Amino acid sequence: MRARDRLVEGLDQNPPAYHPSLRLKRHQASGPGVFELSFGDGGRALVRFGEQVREGMPHVEWLAIGGHEIVD
């Protein structure tokens, strides 16, 4: 939950600035627009930023959450 909160905080900035503990990077093996977020002791998430659902609010699509196995 802390990683999610830090991601949202970073998205609220203009331009977006992500907390270094999130280690956000493109994950090309999963296709265009997919990012890998690594956090804590082995936590991983695959996310994509989608079309806004609410005006002025970024939309994050959580594709997978788990350990390193989700990025293999």
Protein backbone atom coordinates (compact mmCIF):
# COMPACT_ATOMS: atom_id res chain seq x y z
CA MET A 1 0.00 0.00 0.00
CA ARG A 2 2.92 2.33 0.68
CA ALA A 3 4.21 1.77 -2.87
CA ARG A 4 0.77 2.61 -4.28
CA ASP A 5 0.60 5.78 -2.21
CA ARG A 6 4.07 6.84 -3.38
CA LEU A 7 3.14 6.20 -7.01
CA VAL A 8 0.00 8.33 -6.67
CA GLU A 9 1.94 11.12 -4.93
CA GLY A 10 4.40 11.17 -7.82
CA LEU A 11 1.60 11.33 -10.38
CA ASP A 12 0.17 14.39 -8.61
CA GLN A 13 3.34 16.36 -9.42
CA ASN A 14 3.84 18.23 -12.67
CA PRO A 15 5.82 16.73 -14.32
CA PRO A 16 5.41 13.39 -12.55
CA ALA A 17 8.27 12.56 -10.18
CA TYR A 18 8.44 9.10 -8.65
CA HIS A 19 9.96 8.21 -5.30
CA PRO A 20 13.32 6.48 -5.90
CA SER A 21 12.29 3.50 -3.75
CA LEU A 22 9.73 2.54 -6.43
CA ARG A 23 12.35 1.78 -9.08
CA LEU A 24 9.91 2.44 -11.92
CA LYS A 25 11.09 1.40 -15.41
CA ARG A 26 9.64 0.33 -18.75
CA HIS A 27 8.94 -3.38 -19.07
CA GLN A 28 9.33 -3.93 -22.79
CA ALA A 29 8.68 -7.69 -22.64
CA SER A 30 5.07 -6.97 -21.60
CA GLY A 31 4.34 -4.62 -24.49
CA PRO A 32 4.22 -0.90 -25.14
CA GLY A 33 3.24 1.36 -22.27
CA VAL A 34 3.81 -1.23 -19.52
CA PHE A 35 6.02 -0.32 -16.58
CA GLU A 36 7.57 -2.44 -13.85
CA LEU A 37 7.44 -1.06 -10.35
CA SER A 38 9.69 -2.77 -7.82
CA PHE A 39 9.42 -2.01 -4.14
CA GLY A 40 10.31 -3.32 -0.72
CA ASP A 41 12.02 -6.68 -0.42
CA GLY A 42 11.14 -8.33 -3.73
CA GLY A 43 7.72 -6.82 -4.44
CA ARG A 44 6.85 -6.20 -8.08
CA ALA A 45 3.93 -4.72 -9.98
CA LEU A 46 3.23 -4.25 -13.68
CA VAL A 47 1.24 -1.10 -14.44
CA ARG A 48 0.00 0.86 -17.42
CA PHE A 49 -1.25 4.43 -17.43
CA GLY A 50 -4.67 4.55 -19.09
CA GLU A 51 -7.17 7.14 -20.23
CA GLN A 52 -8.39 9.48 -17.51
CA VAL A 53 -11.55 8.32 -15.80
CA ARG A 54 -11.90 11.47 -13.69
CA GLU A 55 -10.91 14.88 -15.01
CA GLY A 56 -7.37 15.80 -13.98
CA MET A 57 -6.71 12.43 -12.30
CA PRO A 58 -4.24 9.98 -13.85
CA HIS A 59 -5.59 6.46 -14.30
CA VAL A 60 -3.34 3.55 -13.31
CA GLU A 61 -4.15 0.05 -14.55
CA TRP A 62 -2.62 -2.57 -12.23
CA LEU A 63 -1.81 -5.54 -14.47
CA ALA A 64 -0.06 -7.82 -11.95
CA ILE A 65 1.21 -7.64 -8.39
CA GLY A 66 3.48 -10.19 -6.71
CA GLY A 67 7.12 -11.20 -6.66
CA HIS A 68 9.74 -11.51 -9.35
CA GLU A 69 7.75 -14.31 -11.02
CA ILE A 70 5.30 -11.79 -12.52
CA VAL A 71 8.00 -10.22 -14.69
CA ASP A 72 9.44 -13.44 -16.11
